[in-house]
C-alpha atoms as a PDB file:
ATOM      1  CA  UNK A   1      85.100 169.058 139.734  1.00  0.00           C
ATOM      2  CA  UNK A   2      86.887 172.273 140.635  1.00  0.00           C
ATOM      3  CA  UNK A   3      85.408 175.740 140.408  1.00  0.00           C
ATOM      4  CA  UNK A   4      87.928 176.526 137.655  1.00  0.00           C
ATOM      5  CA  UNK A   5      86.312 174.014 135.331  1.00  0.00           C
ATOM      6  CA  UNK A   6      82.753 175.176 136.097  1.00  0.00           C
ATOM      7  CA  UNK A   7      82.991 178.936 135.418  1.00  0.00           C
ATOM      8  CA  UNK A   8      84.185 178.899 131.798  1.00  0.00           C
ATOM      9  CA  UNK A   9      81.066 179.258 129.686  1.00  0.00           C
ATOM     10  CA  UNK A  10      78.787 179.377 132.707  1.00  0.00           C
ATOM     11  CA  UNK A  11      75.775 181.688 132.862  1.00  0.00           C
ATOM     12  CA  UNK A  12      76.003 185.055 134.590  1.00  0.00           C
ATOM     13  CA  UNK A  13      72.659 185.259 136.369  1.00  0.00           C
ATOM     14  CA  UNK A  14      72.714 189.047 136.491  1.00  0.00           C
ATOM     15  CA  UNK A  15      72.555 189.642 132.748  1.00  0.00           C
ATOM     16  CA  UNK A  16      72.284 186.267 131.044  1.00  0.00           C
ATOM     17  CA  UNK A  17      75.739 186.496 129.483  1.00  0.00           C
ATOM     18  CA  UNK A  18      78.437 183.812 129.596  1.00  0.00           C
ATOM     19  CA  UNK A  19      81.779 183.863 131.437  1.00  0.00           C
ATOM     20  CA  UNK A  20      84.993 183.440 129.441  1.00  0.00           C
ATOM     21  CA  UNK A  21      88.557 183.009 130.696  1.00  0.00           C
ATOM     22  CA  UNK A  22      90.815 186.093 130.442  1.00  0.00           C
ATOM     23  CA  UNK A  23      94.290 187.018 131.658  1.00  0.00           C
ATOM     24  CA  UNK A  24      95.433 190.348 133.065  1.00  0.00           C
ATOM     25  CA  UNK A  25      98.835 191.640 134.122  1.00  0.00           C
ATOM     26  CA  UNK A  26      98.751 193.224 137.527  1.00  0.00           C
ATOM     27  CA  UNK A  27     101.081 194.477 140.222  1.00  0.00           C
ATOM     28  CA  UNK A  28     101.006 192.487 143.449  1.00  0.00           C
ATOM     29  CA  UNK A  29     102.512 193.871 146.639  1.00  0.00           C
ATOM     30  CA  UNK A  30     103.717 191.561 149.384  1.00  0.00           C
ATOM     31  CA  UNK A  31     105.718 192.509 152.478  1.00  0.00           C
ATOM     32  CA  UNK A  32     106.486 195.958 151.073  1.00  0.00           C
ATOM     33  CA  UNK A  33     107.773 194.604 147.739  1.00  0.00           C
ATOM     34  CA  UNK A  34     106.000 194.470 144.383  1.00  0.00           C
ATOM     35  CA  UNK A  35     106.071 192.426 141.196  1.00  0.00           C
ATOM     36  CA  UNK A  36     104.085 192.085 137.985  1.00  0.00           C
ATOM     37  CA  UNK A  37     102.145 188.833 137.536  1.00  0.00           C
ATOM     38  CA  UNK A  38      99.717 187.441 135.008  1.00  0.00           C
ATOM     39  CA  UNK A  39      96.447 186.524 136.692  1.00  0.00           C
ATOM     40  CA  UNK A  40      93.570 184.616 135.138  1.00  0.00           C
ATOM     41  CA  UNK A  41      89.955 185.578 135.759  1.00  0.00           C
ATOM     42  CA  UNK A  42      86.531 185.101 134.226  1.00  0.00           C
ATOM     43  CA  UNK A  43      84.626 187.944 132.564  1.00  0.00           C
ATOM     44  CA  UNK A  44      81.032 187.975 131.453  1.00  0.00           C
ATOM     45  CA  UNK A  45      81.062 188.609 127.702  1.00  0.00           C
ATOM     46  CA  UNK A  46      77.807 190.575 127.913  1.00  0.00           C
ATOM     47  CA  UNK A  47      78.201 192.940 130.914  1.00  0.00           C
ATOM     48  CA  UNK A  48      81.982 192.655 131.651  1.00  0.00           C
ATOM     49  CA  UNK A  49      81.425 191.445 135.243  1.00  0.00           C
ATOM     50  CA  UNK A  50      84.700 189.944 136.540  1.00  0.00           C
ATOM     51  CA  UNK A  51      84.870 186.825 138.686  1.00  0.00           C
ATOM     52  CA  UNK A  52      88.043 185.342 140.215  1.00  0.00           C
ATOM     53  CA  UNK A  53      88.241 181.927 141.803  1.00  0.00           C
ATOM     54  CA  UNK A  54      90.169 181.136 144.963  1.00  0.00           C
ATOM     55  CA  UNK A  55      92.540 178.982 142.880  1.00  0.00           C
ATOM     56  CA  UNK A  56      93.234 181.909 140.540  1.00  0.00           C
ATOM     57  CA  UNK A  57      93.979 184.231 143.470  1.00  0.00           C
ATOM     58  CA  UNK A  58      96.208 181.660 145.177  1.00  0.00           C
ATOM     59  CA  UNK A  59      98.126 180.930 141.972  1.00  0.00           C
ATOM     60  CA  UNK A  60      98.783 184.635 141.386  1.00  0.00           C
ATOM     61  CA  UNK A  61      99.936 185.131 144.981  1.00  0.00           C
ATOM     62  CA  UNK A  62     102.262 182.114 144.880  1.00  0.00           C
ATOM     63  CA  UNK A  63     103.743 183.332 141.590  1.00  0.00           C
ATOM     64  CA  UNK A  64     104.269 186.811 143.040  1.00  0.00           C
ATOM     65  CA  UNK A  65     105.862 185.370 146.190  1.00  0.00           C
ATOM     66  CA  UNK A  66     108.378 183.343 144.187  1.00  0.00           C
ATOM     67  CA  UNK A  67     109.191 186.241 141.843  1.00  0.00           C
ATOM     68  CA  UNK A  68     109.794 188.575 144.798  1.00  0.00           C
ATOM     69  CA  UNK A  69     111.843 185.937 146.640  1.00  0.00           C
ATOM     70  CA  UNK A  70     114.102 185.518 143.597  1.00  0.00           C
ATOM     71  CA  UNK A  71     114.314 189.244 142.747  1.00  0.00           C
ATOM     72  CA  UNK A  72     115.374 190.159 146.303  1.00  0.00           C
ATOM     73  CA  UNK A  73     117.371 186.969 147.013  1.00  0.00           C
ATOM     74  CA  UNK A  74     115.270 186.186 150.087  1.00  0.00           C
ATOM     75  CA  UNK A  75     115.717 182.985 152.068  1.00  0.00           C
ATOM     76  CA  UNK A  76     113.370 180.153 151.144  1.00  0.00           C
ATOM     77  CA  UNK A  77     111.077 178.608 153.763  1.00  0.00           C
ATOM     78  CA  UNK A  78     113.307 175.533 153.840  1.00  0.00           C
ATOM     79  CA  UNK A  79     116.434 177.657 154.400  1.00  0.00           C
ATOM     80  CA  UNK A  80     114.790 179.511 157.293  1.00  0.00           C
ATOM     81  CA  UNK A  81     113.744 176.246 158.972  1.00  0.00           C
ATOM     82  CA  UNK A  82     117.179 174.689 158.395  1.00  0.00           C
ATOM     83  CA  UNK A  83     118.910 177.713 159.943  1.00  0.00           C
ATOM     84  CA  UNK A  84     116.651 177.616 163.007  1.00  0.00           C
ATOM     85  CA  UNK A  85     117.151 173.879 163.426  1.00  0.00           C
ATOM     86  CA  UNK A  86     120.924 174.129 162.914  1.00  0.00           C
ATOM     87  CA  UNK A  87     121.018 176.652 165.758  1.00  0.00           C
ATOM     88  CA  UNK A  88     119.057 174.225 167.942  1.00  0.00           C
ATOM     89  CA  UNK A  89     116.276 176.749 168.516  1.00  0.00           C
ATOM     90  CA  UNK A  90     112.576 176.180 169.000  1.00  0.00           C
ATOM     91  CA  UNK A  91     110.051 178.280 167.079  1.00  0.00           C
ATOM     92  CA  UNK A  92     109.296 180.461 170.139  1.00  0.00           C
ATOM     93  CA  UNK A  93     113.023 181.047 170.775  1.00  0.00           C
ATOM     94  CA  UNK A  94     113.678 181.919 167.138  1.00  0.00           C
ATOM     95  CA  UNK A  95     110.667 184.243 167.096  1.00  0.00           C
ATOM     96  CA  UNK A  96     111.935 186.018 170.199  1.00  0.00           C
ATOM     97  CA  UNK A  97     115.348 186.507 168.557  1.00  0.00           C
ATOM     98  CA  UNK A  98     113.545 188.142 165.629  1.00  0.00           C
ATOM     99  CA  UNK A  99     112.610 191.078 167.869  1.00  0.00           C
ATOM    100  CA  UNK A 100     109.592 189.304 169.306  1.00  0.00           C
ATOM    101  CA  UNK A 101     107.977 188.399 165.992  1.00  0.00           C
ATOM    102  CA  UNK A 102     104.889 186.287 166.741  1.00  0.00           C
ATOM    103  CA  UNK A 103     105.596 182.559 166.632  1.00  0.00           C
ATOM    104  CA  UNK A 104     102.847 182.064 164.035  1.00  0.00           C
ATOM    105  CA  UNK A 105     104.554 184.488 161.652  1.00  0.00           C
ATOM    106  CA  UNK A 106     107.879 182.657 161.945  1.00  0.00           C
ATOM    107  CA  UNK A 107     106.066 179.371 161.394  1.00  0.00           C
ATOM    108  CA  UNK A 108     104.425 180.977 158.345  1.00  0.00           C
ATOM    109  CA  UNK A 109     107.861 181.944 156.990  1.00  0.00           C
ATOM    110  CA  UNK A 110     109.010 178.338 157.406  1.00  0.00           C
ATOM    111  CA  UNK A 111     105.914 176.930 155.712  1.00  0.00           C
ATOM    112  CA  UNK A 112     105.809 179.505 152.912  1.00  0.00           C
ATOM    113  CA  UNK A 113     102.488 181.014 154.030  1.00  0.00           C
ATOM    114  CA  UNK A 114     104.120 184.395 154.656  1.00  0.00           C
ATOM    115  CA  UNK A 115     106.936 186.214 152.896  1.00  0.00           C
ATOM    116  CA  UNK A 116     109.496 187.891 155.108  1.00  0.00           C
ATOM    117  CA  UNK A 117     110.442 191.438 154.149  1.00  0.00           C
ATOM    118  CA  UNK A 118     114.037 192.393 153.353  1.00  0.00           C
ATOM    119  CA  UNK A 119     114.727 193.632 156.880  1.00  0.00           C
ATOM    120  CA  UNK A 120     113.477 190.410 158.482  1.00  0.00           C
ATOM    121  CA  UNK A 121     115.476 188.403 155.950  1.00  0.00           C
ATOM    122  CA  UNK A 122     118.657 190.312 156.870  1.00  0.00           C
ATOM    123  CA  UNK A 123     117.940 189.753 160.573  1.00  0.00           C
ATOM    124  CA  UNK A 124     117.436 186.022 160.033  1.00  0.00           C
ATOM    125  CA  UNK A 125     120.655 185.761 157.996  1.00  0.00           C
ATOM    126  CA  UNK A 126     122.511 187.632 160.731  1.00  0.00           C
ATOM    127  CA  UNK A 127     121.609 184.939 163.257  1.00  0.00           C
ATOM    128  CA  UNK A 128     123.936 182.543 161.416  1.00  0.00           C
ATOM    129  CA  UNK A 129     126.840 184.553 162.888  1.00  0.00           C
ATOM    130  CA  UNK A 130     127.464 183.181 166.402  1.00  0.00           C
ATOM    131  CA  UNK A 131     128.454 186.544 167.895  1.00  0.00           C
ATOM    132  CA  UNK A 132     125.332 188.222 166.503  1.00  0.00           C
ATOM    133  CA  UNK A 133     123.233 185.309 167.725  1.00  0.00           C
ATOM    134  CA  UNK A 134     124.667 185.539 171.242  1.00  0.00           C
ATOM    135  CA  UNK A 135     124.168 189.329 171.378  1.00  0.00           C
ATOM    136  CA  UNK A 136     120.524 189.023 170.227  1.00  0.00           C
ATOM    137  CA  UNK A 137     119.908 186.174 172.688  1.00  0.00           C
ATOM    138  CA  UNK A 138     121.313 188.240 175.573  1.00  0.00           C
ATOM    139  CA  UNK A 139     119.087 191.212 174.665  1.00  0.00           C
ATOM    140  CA  UNK A 140     116.009 189.031 174.134  1.00  0.00           C
ATOM    141  CA  UNK A 141     116.563 186.896 177.231  1.00  0.00           C
ATOM    142  CA  UNK A 142     116.770 183.687 175.212  1.00  0.00           C
ATOM    143  CA  UNK A 143     118.926 180.858 176.534  1.00  0.00           C
ATOM    144  CA  UNK A 144     120.838 179.325 173.653  1.00  0.00           C
ATOM    145  CA  UNK A 145     121.451 175.595 173.509  1.00  0.00           C
ATOM    146  CA  UNK A 146     125.028 174.443 173.863  1.00  0.00           C
ATOM    147  CA  UNK A 147     126.271 173.540 170.395  1.00  0.00           C
ATOM    148  CA  UNK A 148     128.196 170.306 170.223  1.00  0.00           C
ATOM    149  CA  UNK A 149     130.849 169.750 167.574  1.00  0.00           C
ATOM    150  CA  UNK A 150     129.506 166.770 165.611  1.00  0.00           C
ATOM    151  CA  UNK A 151     133.070 165.564 164.932  1.00  0.00           C
ATOM    152  CA  UNK A 152     134.167 165.669 168.552  1.00  0.00           C
ATOM    153  CA  UNK A 153     133.896 162.431 170.544  1.00  0.00           C
ATOM    154  CA  UNK A 154     131.015 162.520 172.984  1.00  0.00           C
ATOM    155  CA  UNK A 155     132.112 161.885 176.549  1.00  0.00           C
ATOM    156  CA  UNK A 156     129.311 160.565 178.723  1.00  0.00           C
ATOM    157  CA  UNK A 157     130.110 160.849 182.417  1.00  0.00           C
ATOM    158  CA  UNK A 158     129.963 157.530 184.229  1.00  0.00           C
ATOM    159  CA  UNK A 159     127.062 157.271 186.597  1.00  0.00           C
ATOM    160  CA  UNK A 160     127.810 155.966 190.076  1.00  0.00           C
ATOM    161  CA  UNK A 161     126.746 152.390 190.451  1.00  0.00           C
ATOM    162  CA  UNK A 162     123.582 152.098 192.487  1.00  0.00           C
ATOM    163  CA  UNK A 163     123.508 149.617 195.326  1.00  0.00           C
ATOM    164  CA  UNK A 164     121.258 146.706 194.489  1.00  0.00           C
ATOM    165  CA  UNK A 165     117.864 147.156 196.046  1.00  0.00           C
ATOM    166  CA  UNK A 166     115.863 143.977 196.415  1.00  0.00           C
ATOM    167  CA  UNK A 167     112.518 145.826 196.503  1.00  0.00           C
ATOM    168  CA  UNK A 168     113.184 147.785 193.294  1.00  0.00           C
ATOM    169  CA  UNK A 169     114.541 144.643 191.565  1.00  0.00           C
ATOM    170  CA  UNK A 170     111.360 142.782 192.479  1.00  0.00           C
ATOM    171  CA  UNK A 171     109.161 145.649 191.261  1.00  0.00           C
ATOM    172  CA  UNK A 172     111.107 145.768 187.981  1.00  0.00           C
ATOM    173  CA  UNK A 173     110.807 142.043 187.435  1.00  0.00           C
ATOM    174  CA  UNK A 174     107.043 142.172 188.206  1.00  0.00           C
ATOM    175  CA  UNK A 175     106.540 145.071 185.754  1.00  0.00           C
ATOM    176  CA  UNK A 176     108.448 143.189 183.037  1.00  0.00           C
ATOM    177  CA  UNK A 177     106.132 140.311 183.311  1.00  0.00           C
END
């Protein structure tokens, strides 16, 4: 049974009153941006003591995050991850290209735990431009992976044939069983 189901009508030990579900409109600020959200909470009908559950706080924050993301046309977590992966970058490399943003923050952007501000969003979008990416990598000291055209035929260089070695053949055959 969740805490949400247990507070409605429950006893407030301080005054003996009962909690009832209410909704308030409030301004939430995230990453320097704000939005209005409706947030549920419980209020004691006798003394007006307010109580908010973790679920109520999380729901309000998730709602605010999505409203801000839409209002400011910010990249979604999936879009950020897809961009990083399409560039062939690891989380630490991508974080370094974002002016040394901690790896955990970048991971939080990709998992939706954190909301990037407008400036970070613009920086991330800018990395889609190869010239911008190369300039940032040079300044940050990040070695970029070589991008391969997926439509181009892959040419694998032929390896020189190794001379048969009786000892290595025997060891291989023994290891195989």
